[in-house]
Amino acid sequence: NGITVDWSSVMPGNYDISVFETDLISGCVGDPMNLQIQVVGSVSQIIDVIVCDAQLPYNWNGNAYNAAGSYIVTLQNAAGCDSIVTLNLSVNPSVTASVNATICDAQLPYNWNGNAYNAAGSYSVTLQNAAGCDSVVTLNLTVNPTLTASQSVVICDAQLPYNWNGNTYNAAGSYSVTLQNAAGCDSIVTLNLSVNPSVAT
């Protein structure tokens, strides 16, 4: 009775201990009591977890974590001793990006990321980035139209051949050429050529 032992400085392991009882009045020492003591140490553990920000809050051991960081909890191990567990939580961000594309209407449908788009507009798709997290990418699609125009010209037959846009025309008629407009798209221009005859009297 009255024996106090500080086990905090004892290394984990098995120990054989002999305890003698002493009579405080007579000073006589009794027979030893042999004891087997097992000292079990505390356990430390580190857990590394990587999540996407869309998976927050992250629930672990009854706690919800809303940001990356190191979090320490004290649990009881099977021996009833404290065990310190450290959660190293890393949070990978989702990424948003936009892609601008300008095409001519003759290039429709426009294929992007496995989808076909038939008109101008903004289209969003959800992809996985290198960290395995959702990334929202928006396509801003601009469609420039094909233009049509016509030009009417009246000449005298003595003015033939008539040169227009690098071409030579020897008779009246309608002639179409395809040009590029300022937006880089095809533009169809039609020449309506009239030829008046010379008159001899």
Protein backbone atom coordinates (compact mmCIF):
# COMPACT_ATOMS: atom_id res chain seq x y z
CA ASN A 1 0.00 0.00 0.00
CA GLY A 2 1.13 3.52 -0.65
CA ILE A 3 3.47 2.50 -3.47
CA THR A 4 3.59 5.06 -6.30
CA VAL A 5 5.44 4.38 -9.54
CA ASP A 6 6.05 6.94 -12.33
CA TRP A 7 5.79 4.93 -15.55
CA SER A 8 6.14 7.92 -17.88
CA SER A 9 9.91 7.51 -18.15
CA VAL A 10 9.80 3.73 -18.63
CA MET A 11 10.33 2.35 -22.12
CA PRO A 12 7.53 0.13 -23.47
CA GLY A 13 8.12 -3.57 -22.83
CA ASN A 14 7.58 -6.43 -20.34
CA TYR A 15 9.06 -6.19 -16.83
CA ASP A 16 9.35 -8.65 -13.93
CA ILE A 17 9.11 -6.79 -10.61
CA SER A 18 9.52 -8.07 -7.09
CA VAL A 19 7.70 -6.14 -4.37
CA PHE A 20 8.57 -6.63 -0.68
CA GLU A 21 6.15 -5.71 2.07
CA THR A 22 7.79 -4.18 5.13
CA ASP A 23 6.21 -4.01 8.59
CA LEU A 24 6.67 -0.40 9.63
CA ILE A 25 6.53 -1.24 13.33
CA SER A 26 8.83 -4.25 13.56
CA GLY A 27 10.86 -3.46 10.47
CA CYS A 28 10.48 -7.04 9.27
CA VAL A 29 10.45 -7.70 5.54
CA GLY A 30 7.90 -10.16 4.22
CA ASP A 31 8.07 -12.58 1.33
CA PRO A 32 8.41 -10.95 -2.12
CA MET A 33 5.50 -10.60 -4.51
CA ASN A 34 6.58 -11.19 -8.09
CA LEU A 35 4.70 -9.14 -10.65
CA GLN A 36 4.82 -9.07 -14.45
CA ILE A 37 4.21 -5.58 -15.80
CA GLN A 38 3.65 -4.71 -19.44
CA VAL A 39 4.25 -1.08 -20.37
CA VAL A 40 2.49 -0.05 -23.57
CA GLY A 41 3.57 3.20 -25.22
CA SER A 42 1.50 5.85 -26.94
CA VAL A 43 1.22 5.55 -30.72
CA SER A 44 1.76 8.39 -33.18
CA GLN A 45 0.42 8.18 -36.71
CA ILE A 46 0.38 10.55 -39.72
CA ILE A 47 -2.34 10.35 -42.35
CA ASP A 48 -1.92 12.23 -45.65
CA VAL A 49 -5.13 13.02 -47.55
CA ILE A 50 -5.59 14.95 -50.82
CA VAL A 51 -9.07 16.16 -51.81
CA CYS A 52 -10.57 18.56 -54.35
CA ASP A 53 -12.05 21.81 -53.06
CA ALA A 54 -15.46 20.62 -54.22
CA GLN A 55 -15.16 17.79 -51.65
CA LEU A 56 -14.95 20.20 -48.71
CA PRO A 57 -15.83 19.98 -45.92
CA TYR A 58 -13.76 16.82 -45.39
CA ASN A 59 -15.14 14.61 -42.62
CA TRP A 60 -12.67 12.62 -40.51
CA ASN A 61 -13.04 11.14 -37.04
CA GLY A 62 -16.27 13.03 -36.47
CA ASN A 63 -14.79 16.39 -37.40
CA ALA A 64 -15.41 18.52 -40.51
CA TYR A 65 -12.43 20.33 -42.02
CA ASN A 66 -12.99 23.21 -44.44
CA ALA A 67 -9.42 24.05 -45.46
CA ALA A 68 -6.02 22.49 -46.04
CA GLY A 69 -3.81 22.12 -42.96
CA SER A 70 -2.46 19.77 -40.31
CA TYR A 71 -4.96 18.65 -37.72
CA ILE A 72 -4.08 16.65 -34.59
CA VAL A 73 -6.50 14.43 -32.69
CA THR A 74 -5.87 12.29 -29.62
CA LEU A 75 -7.51 8.86 -29.70
CA GLN A 76 -7.34 5.79 -27.46
CA ASN A 77 -5.56 2.74 -28.80
CA ALA A 78 -6.49 -0.87 -28.04
CA ALA A 79 -4.40 -0.79 -24.85
CA GLY A 80 -6.32 2.22 -23.59
CA CYS A 81 -3.40 4.60 -24.11
CA ASP A 82 -3.42 7.92 -25.92
CA SER A 83 -2.60 7.78 -29.59
CA ILE A 84 -1.84 11.00 -31.43
CA VAL A 85 -2.97 11.03 -35.04
CA THR A 86 -2.05 13.89 -37.38
CA LEU A 87 -4.13 14.52 -40.50
CA ASN A 88 -2.21 16.37 -43.24
CA LEU A 89 -5.01 17.63 -45.47
CA SER A 90 -4.15 18.98 -48.93
CA VAL A 91 -6.83 20.65 -51.06
CA ASN A 92 -6.44 20.84 -54.83
CA PRO A 93 -8.39 23.70 -56.43
CA SER A 94 -10.92 23.47 -59.20
CA VAL A 95 -9.90 25.49 -62.25
CA THR A 96 -12.05 27.72 -64.43
CA ALA A 97 -10.88 28.82 -67.85
CA SER A 98 -12.31 30.22 -71.07
CA VAL A 99 -11.44 29.61 -74.71
CA ASN A 100 -12.31 32.16 -77.40
CA ALA A 101 -12.83 30.91 -80.95
CA THR A 102 -13.87 32.87 -84.04
CA ILE A 103 -14.87 30.96 -87.16
CA CYS A 104 -16.75 31.52 -90.42
CA ASP A 105 -20.29 30.17 -90.77
CA ALA A 106 -19.05 27.84 -93.51
CA GLN A 107 -16.96 26.09 -90.82
CA LEU A 108 -20.01 25.04 -88.82
CA PRO A 109 -20.50 22.72 -87.03
CA TYR A 110 -17.52 23.56 -84.79
CA ASN A 111 -16.06 20.55 -82.97
CA TRP A 112 -14.56 21.11 -79.51
CA ASN A 113 -13.93 18.60 -76.74
CA GLY A 114 -15.96 15.94 -78.49
CA ASN A 115 -19.01 18.19 -78.95
CA ALA A 116 -20.37 19.77 -82.15
CA TYR A 117 -21.67 23.36 -81.96
CA ASN A 118 -23.90 24.74 -84.71
CA ALA A 119 -24.23 28.38 -83.64
CA ALA A 120 -22.42 31.17 -81.86
CA GLY A 121 -22.68 31.22 -78.07
CA SER A 122 -21.00 30.35 -74.77
CA TYR A 123 -20.72 26.65 -73.96
CA SER A 124 -19.32 25.20 -70.72
CA VAL A 125 -17.89 21.73 -70.19
CA THR A 126 -16.58 20.11 -67.03
CA LEU A 127 -13.21 18.39 -67.41
CA GLN A 128 -10.73 16.81 -65.02
CA ASN A 129 -7.49 18.67 -64.42
CA ALA A 130 -4.10 17.05 -63.71
CA ALA A 131 -4.94 16.91 -60.00
CA GLY A 132 -8.09 14.91 -60.72
CA CYS A 133 -10.43 17.79 -59.81
CA ASP A 134 -13.28 19.24 -61.84
CA SER A 135 -12.35 22.13 -64.10
CA VAL A 136 -15.02 24.19 -65.83
CA VAL A 137 -13.95 25.42 -69.27
CA THR A 138 -16.16 27.81 -71.24
CA LEU A 139 -16.00 28.11 -75.03
CA ASN A 140 -16.95 31.56 -76.32
CA LEU A 141 -17.77 30.86 -79.97
CA THR A 142 -18.12 33.73 -82.45
CA VAL A 143 -19.39 32.98 -85.97
CA ASN A 144 -18.70 35.47 -88.76
CA PRO A 145 -21.19 35.32 -91.64
CA THR A 146 -20.49 34.79 -95.32
CA LEU A 147 -21.27 38.01 -97.23
CA THR A 148 -22.86 38.35 -100.64
CA ALA A 149 -22.74 41.45 -102.82
CA SER A 150 -23.38 42.39 -106.43
CA GLN A 151 -22.02 45.03 -108.75
CA SER A 152 -23.71 46.12 -111.97
CA VAL A 153 -21.56 47.50 -114.76
CA VAL A 154 -22.64 48.80 -118.19
CA ILE A 155 -20.00 49.19 -120.91
CA CYS A 156 -19.79 49.57 -124.64
CA ASP A 157 -18.75 46.63 -126.78
CA ALA A 158 -15.62 48.55 -127.79
CA GLN A 159 -14.51 48.34 -124.14
CA LEU A 160 -14.33 44.53 -124.21
CA PRO A 161 -12.60 42.62 -122.76
CA TYR A 162 -13.61 43.92 -119.35
CA ASN A 163 -11.17 43.38 -116.45
CA TRP A 164 -12.58 42.92 -112.94
CA ASN A 165 -10.97 41.43 -109.84
CA GLY A 166 -8.12 39.98 -111.86
CA ASN A 167 -10.41 38.29 -114.37
CA THR A 168 -11.12 39.17 -118.03
CA TYR A 169 -14.71 39.04 -119.37
CA ASN A 170 -15.47 39.11 -123.12
CA ALA A 171 -19.26 39.19 -123.08
CA ALA A 172 -22.25 40.36 -121.09
CA GLY A 173 -23.37 38.10 -118.23
CA SER A 174 -23.34 37.46 -114.47
CA TYR A 175 -20.02 36.37 -113.03
CA SER A 176 -19.39 35.40 -109.38
CA VAL A 177 -16.08 35.43 -107.54
CA THR A 178 -15.31 34.36 -103.99
CA LEU A 179 -13.24 36.83 -101.99
CA GLN A 180 -12.15 37.07 -98.39
CA ASN A 181 -13.77 39.73 -96.24
CA ALA A 182 -12.12 41.61 -93.37
CA ALA A 183 -13.09 38.81 -90.95
CA GLY A 184 -11.29 36.25 -93.12
CA CYS A 185 -14.50 34.60 -94.31
CA ASP A 186 -15.65 33.93 -97.86
CA SER A 187 -17.61 36.67 -99.54
CA ILE A 188 -19.37 36.01 -102.81
CA VAL A 189 -19.45 39.00 -105.14
CA THR A 190 -21.44 38.87 -108.40
CA LEU A 191 -20.66 41.08 -111.42
CA ASN A 192 -23.68 41.83 -113.58
CA LEU A 193 -22.05 42.94 -116.84
CA SER A 194 -24.13 44.61 -119.52
CA VAL A 195 -22.56 45.39 -122.92
CA ASN A 196 -24.14 47.99 -125.17
CA PRO A 197 -23.42 47.58 -128.87
CA SER A 198 -21.82 50.22 -131.00
CA VAL A 199 -24.22 51.64 -133.61
CA ALA A 200 -23.26 52.40 -137.22
CA THR A 201 -25.47 54.75 -139.23
